[in-house]
Amino acid sequence: MDEQQNGAYDEHLESQGEIASPSPHGTPTGPQYSAAQGDAAATVSQVNPWSRFLARSIDQLLFLLTVSVLFIFIFPQILELPGILFGMVFLFLMTFPEALFISKWSATPGKQLLKIKVLTPSKELLSYSDAWKRSVGVYLNGIGLGIPFVSIVTMILSYRQLTNNSITKWDEAGGFKVIHEKPGPLRITIVILLISCFLFMTFYESVD
């Protein structure tokens, strides 16, 4: 009788989410995203295009700084490419480390700062191939290969789709889930400093 009561109690806890359901391999499933994180995400709008835009801008800035230093020593000729072509090559190369970060930690540095995660519908990490396909989807449909004017059109269309349908074209195609949590004051301060640095560099180049 006691065993039946304990079994019924365990089933009740499991249905309430208090204990994890065991996987067929004997280990709990869904360890990537805790209930506490779910509560935090529930208080923040999950349709937040500007946070995603800022996160990508930070990633592009950090990647540009890293790549520029490497290219100076390894392949300086690429820095002499015309601006549009360099932008297209640069943004495509960025898909590879971006996919690595998302497949390993569910977020790039910019997304980490703004507490944005990219996961599967079951809240597990993406495989590298899925993460790379997502990055390529952003490259093609989100930023229009980095081509001026084309990228403006694709970003506007992506913004409208996200705000109207609560999901972007590339996340819908891959079945991915983007989760937002509220960043703290320190994270916001770092974001402001990085964006200010990016704007200063852009202004300095245009004047120079």
C-alpha atoms as a PDB file:
ATOM      1  CA  MET A   1       0.000   0.000   0.000  1.00  0.00           C
ATOM      2  CA  ASP A   2       2.825   2.393   0.908  1.00  0.00           C
ATOM      3  CA  GLU A   3       4.571   1.677  -2.410  1.00  0.00           C
ATOM      4  CA  GLN A   4       1.358   2.516  -4.301  1.00  0.00           C
ATOM      5  CA  GLN A   5       0.993   5.790  -2.384  1.00  0.00           C
ATOM      6  CA  ASN A   6       4.638   6.713  -3.010  1.00  0.00           C
ATOM      7  CA  GLY A   7       4.245   5.904  -6.693  1.00  0.00           C
ATOM      8  CA  ALA A   8       1.144   8.055  -6.965  1.00  0.00           C
ATOM      9  CA  TYR A   9       2.915  10.906  -5.149  1.00  0.00           C
ATOM     10  CA  ASP A  10       5.895  10.701  -7.503  1.00  0.00           C
ATOM     11  CA  GLU A  11       3.560  10.848 -10.483  1.00  0.00           C
ATOM     12  CA  HIS A  12       1.905  13.925  -8.989  1.00  0.00           C
ATOM     13  CA  LEU A  13       5.267  15.680  -8.531  1.00  0.00           C
ATOM     14  CA  GLU A  14       6.305  14.778 -12.037  1.00  0.00           C
ATOM     15  CA  SER A  15       3.073  16.196 -13.483  1.00  0.00           C
ATOM     16  CA  GLN A  16       3.682  19.427 -11.535  1.00  0.00           C
ATOM     17  CA  GLY A  17       7.247  19.690 -12.857  1.00  0.00           C
ATOM     18  CA  GLU A  18       8.839  19.182  -9.435  1.00  0.00           C
ATOM     19  CA  ILE A  19      10.946  16.257 -10.592  1.00  0.00           C
ATOM     20  CA  ALA A  20      12.386  15.548 -14.026  1.00  0.00           C
ATOM     21  CA  SER A  21      11.030  12.745 -16.143  1.00  0.00           C
ATOM     22  CA  PRO A  22      13.659  10.078 -16.728  1.00  0.00           C
ATOM     23  CA  SER A  23      14.786   9.608 -20.318  1.00  0.00           C
ATOM     24  CA  PRO A  24      14.869   6.122 -21.876  1.00  0.00           C
ATOM     25  CA  HIS A  25      18.623   6.120 -21.158  1.00  0.00           C
ATOM     26  CA  GLY A  26      18.097   6.621 -17.436  1.00  0.00           C
ATOM     27  CA  THR A  27      19.130  10.300 -17.183  1.00  0.00           C
ATOM     28  CA  PRO A  28      16.824  13.278 -16.569  1.00  0.00           C
ATOM     29  CA  THR A  29      15.779  15.192 -19.649  1.00  0.00           C
ATOM     30  CA  GLY A  30      15.606  18.957 -20.176  1.00  0.00           C
ATOM     31  CA  PRO A  31      18.613  20.033 -18.084  1.00  0.00           C
ATOM     32  CA  GLN A  32      19.458  23.011 -20.258  1.00  0.00           C
ATOM     33  CA  TYR A  33      16.739  25.351 -18.974  1.00  0.00           C
ATOM     34  CA  SER A  34      15.556  25.355 -15.374  1.00  0.00           C
ATOM     35  CA  ALA A  35      12.125  26.228 -14.017  1.00  0.00           C
ATOM     36  CA  ALA A  36      13.588  29.346 -12.378  1.00  0.00           C
ATOM     37  CA  GLN A  37      14.837  30.521 -15.760  1.00  0.00           C
ATOM     38  CA  GLY A  38      11.406  29.838 -17.205  1.00  0.00           C
ATOM     39  CA  ASP A  39       9.841  32.067 -14.542  1.00  0.00           C
ATOM     40  CA  ALA A  40      12.352  34.824 -15.372  1.00  0.00           C
ATOM     41  CA  ALA A  41      11.601  34.553 -19.074  1.00  0.00           C
ATOM     42  CA  ALA A  42       7.857  34.707 -18.407  1.00  0.00           C
ATOM     43  CA  THR A  43       8.236  38.279 -17.085  1.00  0.00           C
ATOM     44  CA  VAL A  44       9.948  39.531 -20.275  1.00  0.00           C
ATOM     45  CA  SER A  45       8.425  39.959 -23.723  1.00  0.00           C
ATOM     46  CA  GLN A  46       9.541  37.097 -25.951  1.00  0.00           C
ATOM     47  CA  VAL A  47       9.113  39.273 -29.063  1.00  0.00           C
ATOM     48  CA  ASN A  48      12.034  41.662 -28.743  1.00  0.00           C
ATOM     49  CA  PRO A  49      13.546  42.553 -32.126  1.00  0.00           C
ATOM     50  CA  TRP A  50      15.637  45.428 -30.789  1.00  0.00           C
ATOM     51  CA  SER A  51      17.397  43.254 -28.216  1.00  0.00           C
ATOM     52  CA  ARG A  52      18.229  40.782 -30.984  1.00  0.00           C
ATOM     53  CA  PHE A  53      19.475  43.608 -33.208  1.00  0.00           C
ATOM     54  CA  LEU A  54      21.715  44.982 -30.447  1.00  0.00           C
ATOM     55  CA  ALA A  55      23.051  41.496 -29.669  1.00  0.00           C
ATOM     56  CA  ARG A  56      23.962  40.956 -33.329  1.00  0.00           C
ATOM     57  CA  SER A  57      25.588  44.389 -33.538  1.00  0.00           C
ATOM     58  CA  ILE A  58      27.783  43.517 -30.551  1.00  0.00           C
ATOM     59  CA  ASP A  59      28.710  40.170 -32.092  1.00  0.00           C
ATOM     60  CA  GLN A  60      29.628  41.854 -35.366  1.00  0.00           C
ATOM     61  CA  LEU A  61      31.798  44.397 -33.553  1.00  0.00           C
ATOM     62  CA  LEU A  62      33.644  41.736 -31.553  1.00  0.00           C
ATOM     63  CA  PHE A  63      34.087  39.505 -34.604  1.00  0.00           C
ATOM     64  CA  LEU A  64      35.297  42.428 -36.721  1.00  0.00           C
ATOM     65  CA  LEU A  65      37.951  43.323 -34.158  1.00  0.00           C
ATOM     66  CA  THR A  66      39.101  39.702 -33.899  1.00  0.00           C
ATOM     67  CA  VAL A  67      39.109  39.020 -37.633  1.00  0.00           C
ATOM     68  CA  SER A  68      40.861  42.282 -38.479  1.00  0.00           C
ATOM     69  CA  VAL A  69      43.753  41.444 -36.173  1.00  0.00           C
ATOM     70  CA  LEU A  70      44.040  37.905 -37.578  1.00  0.00           C
ATOM     71  CA  PHE A  71      43.849  39.056 -41.191  1.00  0.00           C
ATOM     72  CA  ILE A  72      46.596  41.640 -40.659  1.00  0.00           C
ATOM     73  CA  PHE A  73      49.024  38.814 -39.899  1.00  0.00           C
ATOM     74  CA  ILE A  74      47.565  35.938 -41.941  1.00  0.00           C
ATOM     75  CA  PHE A  75      45.806  37.345 -44.997  1.00  0.00           C
ATOM     76  CA  PRO A  76      46.134  41.156 -45.174  1.00  0.00           C
ATOM     77  CA  GLN A  77      44.963  41.228 -48.821  1.00  0.00           C
ATOM     78  CA  ILE A  78      41.365  40.604 -47.739  1.00  0.00           C
ATOM     79  CA  LEU A  79      41.336  43.960 -45.972  1.00  0.00           C
ATOM     80  CA  GLU A  80      41.870  45.606 -49.369  1.00  0.00           C
ATOM     81  CA  LEU A  81      38.620  44.237 -50.803  1.00  0.00           C
ATOM     82  CA  PRO A  82      35.934  46.755 -51.802  1.00  0.00           C
ATOM     83  CA  GLY A  83      33.692  47.649 -48.885  1.00  0.00           C
ATOM     84  CA  ILE A  84      30.578  45.795 -50.050  1.00  0.00           C
ATOM     85  CA  LEU A  85      32.479  42.624 -50.935  1.00  0.00           C
ATOM     86  CA  PHE A  86      34.405  42.686 -47.670  1.00  0.00           C
ATOM     87  CA  GLY A  87      31.125  43.025 -45.773  1.00  0.00           C
ATOM     88  CA  MET A  88      29.615  40.052 -47.578  1.00  0.00           C
ATOM     89  CA  VAL A  89      32.681  37.869 -46.901  1.00  0.00           C
ATOM     90  CA  PHE A  90      32.969  39.053 -43.300  1.00  0.00           C
ATOM     91  CA  LEU A  91      29.330  38.343 -42.457  1.00  0.00           C
ATOM     92  CA  PHE A  92      29.439  34.917 -44.084  1.00  0.00           C
ATOM     93  CA  LEU A  93      32.592  33.957 -42.149  1.00  0.00           C
ATOM     94  CA  MET A  94      30.809  35.050 -38.988  1.00  0.00           C
ATOM     95  CA  THR A  95      28.233  32.263 -39.399  1.00  0.00           C
ATOM     96  CA  PHE A  96      30.803  29.640 -38.359  1.00  0.00           C
ATOM     97  CA  PRO A  97      31.825  30.968 -34.902  1.00  0.00           C
ATOM     98  CA  GLU A  98      28.235  32.097 -34.316  1.00  0.00           C
ATOM     99  CA  ALA A  99      27.021  28.530 -34.836  1.00  0.00           C
ATOM    100  CA  LEU A 100      29.757  27.249 -32.521  1.00  0.00           C
ATOM    101  CA  PHE A 101      28.714  29.554 -29.677  1.00  0.00           C
ATOM    102  CA  ILE A 102      25.016  28.721 -30.066  1.00  0.00           C
ATOM    103  CA  SER A 103      25.619  24.960 -30.255  1.00  0.00           C
ATOM    104  CA  LYS A 104      27.897  24.995 -27.180  1.00  0.00           C
ATOM    105  CA  TRP A 105      26.382  27.684 -24.947  1.00  0.00           C
ATOM    106  CA  SER A 106      23.002  28.508 -26.568  1.00  0.00           C
ATOM    107  CA  ALA A 107      24.118  32.097 -27.149  1.00  0.00           C
ATOM    108  CA  THR A 108      26.776  34.286 -28.735  1.00  0.00           C
ATOM    109  CA  PRO A 109      28.628  36.876 -26.594  1.00  0.00           C
ATOM    110  CA  GLY A 110      26.120  39.566 -27.589  1.00  0.00           C
ATOM    111  CA  LYS A 111      23.176  37.313 -26.778  1.00  0.00           C
ATOM    112  CA  GLN A 112      24.794  36.335 -23.469  1.00  0.00           C
ATOM    113  CA  LEU A 113      25.036  39.991 -22.495  1.00  0.00           C
ATOM    114  CA  LEU A 114      21.363  40.596 -23.266  1.00  0.00           C
ATOM    115  CA  LYS A 115      20.297  37.211 -21.844  1.00  0.00           C
ATOM    116  CA  ILE A 116      18.982  35.739 -25.091  1.00  0.00           C
ATOM    117  CA  LYS A 117      19.131  32.008 -25.740  1.00  0.00           C
ATOM    118  CA  VAL A 118      18.494  29.912 -28.834  1.00  0.00           C
ATOM    119  CA  LEU A 119      17.271  26.390 -28.068  1.00  0.00           C
ATOM    120  CA  THR A 120      15.225  23.578 -29.527  1.00  0.00           C
ATOM    121  CA  PRO A 121      11.475  23.399 -28.717  1.00  0.00           C
ATOM    122  CA  SER A 122      12.377  20.938 -25.935  1.00  0.00           C
ATOM    123  CA  LYS A 123      14.848  23.548 -24.616  1.00  0.00           C
ATOM    124  CA  GLU A 124      17.990  21.590 -25.500  1.00  0.00           C
ATOM    125  CA  LEU A 125      21.112  22.866 -27.243  1.00  0.00           C
ATOM    126  CA  LEU A 126      21.123  22.945 -31.030  1.00  0.00           C
ATOM    127  CA  SER A 127      23.525  20.729 -32.941  1.00  0.00           C
ATOM    128  CA  TYR A 128      26.305  22.563 -34.757  1.00  0.00           C
ATOM    129  CA  SER A 129      24.781  21.831 -38.167  1.00  0.00           C
ATOM    130  CA  ASP A 130      21.370  23.171 -37.085  1.00  0.00           C
ATOM    131  CA  ALA A 131      22.980  26.240 -35.518  1.00  0.00           C
ATOM    132  CA  TRP A 132      24.958  26.893 -38.711  1.00  0.00           C
ATOM    133  CA  LYS A 133      21.851  26.526 -40.881  1.00  0.00           C
ATOM    134  CA  ARG A 134      20.151  29.070 -38.631  1.00  0.00           C
ATOM    135  CA  SER A 135      23.088  31.473 -38.978  1.00  0.00           C
ATOM    136  CA  VAL A 136      23.006  31.111 -42.754  1.00  0.00           C
ATOM    137  CA  GLY A 137      19.257  31.798 -42.645  1.00  0.00           C
ATOM    138  CA  VAL A 138      19.964  35.043 -40.793  1.00  0.00           C
ATOM    139  CA  TYR A 139      22.710  35.870 -43.320  1.00  0.00           C
ATOM    140  CA  LEU A 140      20.358  35.376 -46.279  1.00  0.00           C
ATOM    141  CA  ASN A 141      16.945  36.447 -44.984  1.00  0.00           C
ATOM    142  CA  GLY A 142      17.852  38.693 -42.072  1.00  0.00           C
ATOM    143  CA  ILE A 143      20.752  40.854 -43.237  1.00  0.00           C
ATOM    144  CA  GLY A 144      20.502  40.266 -46.982  1.00  0.00           C
ATOM    145  CA  LEU A 145      24.101  39.049 -47.427  1.00  0.00           C
ATOM    146  CA  GLY A 146      25.261  42.393 -46.018  1.00  0.00           C
ATOM    147  CA  ILE A 147      24.468  44.200 -49.283  1.00  0.00           C
ATOM    148  CA  PRO A 148      23.428  47.822 -48.656  1.00  0.00           C
ATOM    149  CA  PHE A 149      19.752  48.601 -49.343  1.00  0.00           C
ATOM    150  CA  VAL A 150      19.049  44.872 -49.741  1.00  0.00           C
ATOM    151  CA  SER A 151      19.848  44.366 -46.053  1.00  0.00           C
ATOM    152  CA  ILE A 152      17.557  47.261 -45.120  1.00  0.00           C
ATOM    153  CA  VAL A 153      14.659  45.606 -46.953  1.00  0.00           C
ATOM    154  CA  THR A 154      15.311  42.161 -45.449  1.00  0.00           C
ATOM    155  CA  MET A 155      15.640  43.609 -41.950  1.00  0.00           C
ATOM    156  CA  ILE A 156      12.342  45.483 -42.273  1.00  0.00           C
ATOM    157  CA  LEU A 157      10.589  42.355 -43.545  1.00  0.00           C
ATOM    158  CA  SER A 158      12.119  40.267 -40.737  1.00  0.00           C
ATOM    159  CA  TYR A 159      11.077  42.871 -38.176  1.00  0.00           C
ATOM    160  CA  ARG A 160       7.498  42.761 -39.426  1.00  0.00           C
ATOM    161  CA  GLN A 161       7.393  38.978 -39.414  1.00  0.00           C
ATOM    162  CA  LEU A 162       8.759  38.800 -35.878  1.00  0.00           C
ATOM    163  CA  THR A 163       6.350  41.402 -34.515  1.00  0.00           C
ATOM    164  CA  ASN A 164       3.344  39.980 -36.394  1.00  0.00           C
ATOM    165  CA  ASN A 165       4.003  36.236 -36.050  1.00  0.00           C
ATOM    166  CA  SER A 166       6.249  36.182 -32.936  1.00  0.00           C
ATOM    167  CA  ILE A 167       8.903  34.238 -34.868  1.00  0.00           C
ATOM    168  CA  THR A 168      11.418  34.911 -37.639  1.00  0.00           C
ATOM    169  CA  LYS A 169      11.597  33.044 -40.930  1.00  0.00           C
ATOM    170  CA  TRP A 170      14.799  31.189 -40.002  1.00  0.00           C
ATOM    171  CA  ASP A 171      13.583  30.146 -36.548  1.00  0.00           C
ATOM    172  CA  GLU A 172      10.277  28.968 -37.970  1.00  0.00           C
ATOM    173  CA  ALA A 173      12.049  26.952 -40.695  1.00  0.00           C
ATOM    174  CA  GLY A 174      14.305  25.210 -38.179  1.00  0.00           C
ATOM    175  CA  GLY A 175      11.791  24.930 -35.356  1.00  0.00           C
ATOM    176  CA  PHE A 176      14.028  26.931 -33.007  1.00  0.00           C
ATOM    177  CA  LYS A 177      12.985  28.743 -29.839  1.00  0.00           C
ATOM    178  CA  VAL A 178      14.456  32.109 -28.834  1.00  0.00           C
ATOM    179  CA  ILE A 179      14.134  32.868 -25.127  1.00  0.00           C
ATOM    180  CA  HIS A 180      14.567  36.322 -23.595  1.00  0.00           C
ATOM    181  CA  GLU A 181      15.322  37.122 -19.973  1.00  0.00           C
ATOM    182  CA  LYS A 182      15.778  40.532 -18.365  1.00  0.00           C
ATOM    183  CA  PRO A 183      19.421  41.725 -18.334  1.00  0.00           C
ATOM    184  CA  GLY A 184      20.693  43.470 -15.213  1.00  0.00           C
ATOM    185  CA  PRO A 185      22.147  47.008 -14.919  1.00  0.00           C
ATOM    186  CA  LEU A 186      25.752  45.843 -15.349  1.00  0.00           C
ATOM    187  CA  ARG A 187      24.946  44.050 -18.593  1.00  0.00           C
ATOM    188  CA  ILE A 188      23.073  47.108 -19.894  1.00  0.00           C
ATOM    189  CA  THR A 189      26.070  49.312 -19.052  1.00  0.00           C
ATOM    190  CA  ILE A 190      28.443  47.011 -20.951  1.00  0.00           C
ATOM    191  CA  VAL A 191      26.086  46.989 -23.941  1.00  0.00           C
ATOM    192  CA  ILE A 192      25.953  50.806 -23.982  1.00  0.00           C
ATOM    193  CA  LEU A 193      29.759  51.014 -23.861  1.00  0.00           C
ATOM    194  CA  LEU A 194      30.186  48.511 -26.688  1.00  0.00           C
ATOM    195  CA  ILE A 195      27.570  50.171 -28.905  1.00  0.00           C
ATOM    196  CA  SER A 196      29.150  53.567 -28.194  1.00  0.00           C
ATOM    197  CA  CYS A 197      32.511  52.142 -29.229  1.00  0.00           C
ATOM    198  CA  PHE A 198      30.969  50.804 -32.436  1.00  0.00           C
ATOM    199  CA  LEU A 199      29.351  54.167 -33.264  1.00  0.00           C
ATOM    200  CA  PHE A 200      32.598  56.007 -32.546  1.00  0.00           C
ATOM    201  CA  MET A 201      34.557  53.692 -34.840  1.00  0.00           C
ATOM    202  CA  THR A 202      31.955  54.131 -37.598  1.00  0.00           C
ATOM    203  CA  PHE A 203      32.028  57.920 -37.243  1.00  0.00           C
ATOM    204  CA  TYR A 204      35.841  57.980 -37.148  1.00  0.00           C
ATOM    205  CA  GLU A 205      36.060  55.940 -40.373  1.00  0.00           C
ATOM    206  CA  SER A 206      33.564  58.188 -42.161  1.00  0.00           C
ATOM    207  CA  VAL A 207      35.489  61.326 -41.145  1.00  0.00           C
ATOM    208  CA  ASP A 208      38.889  59.792 -41.912  1.00  0.00           C
END
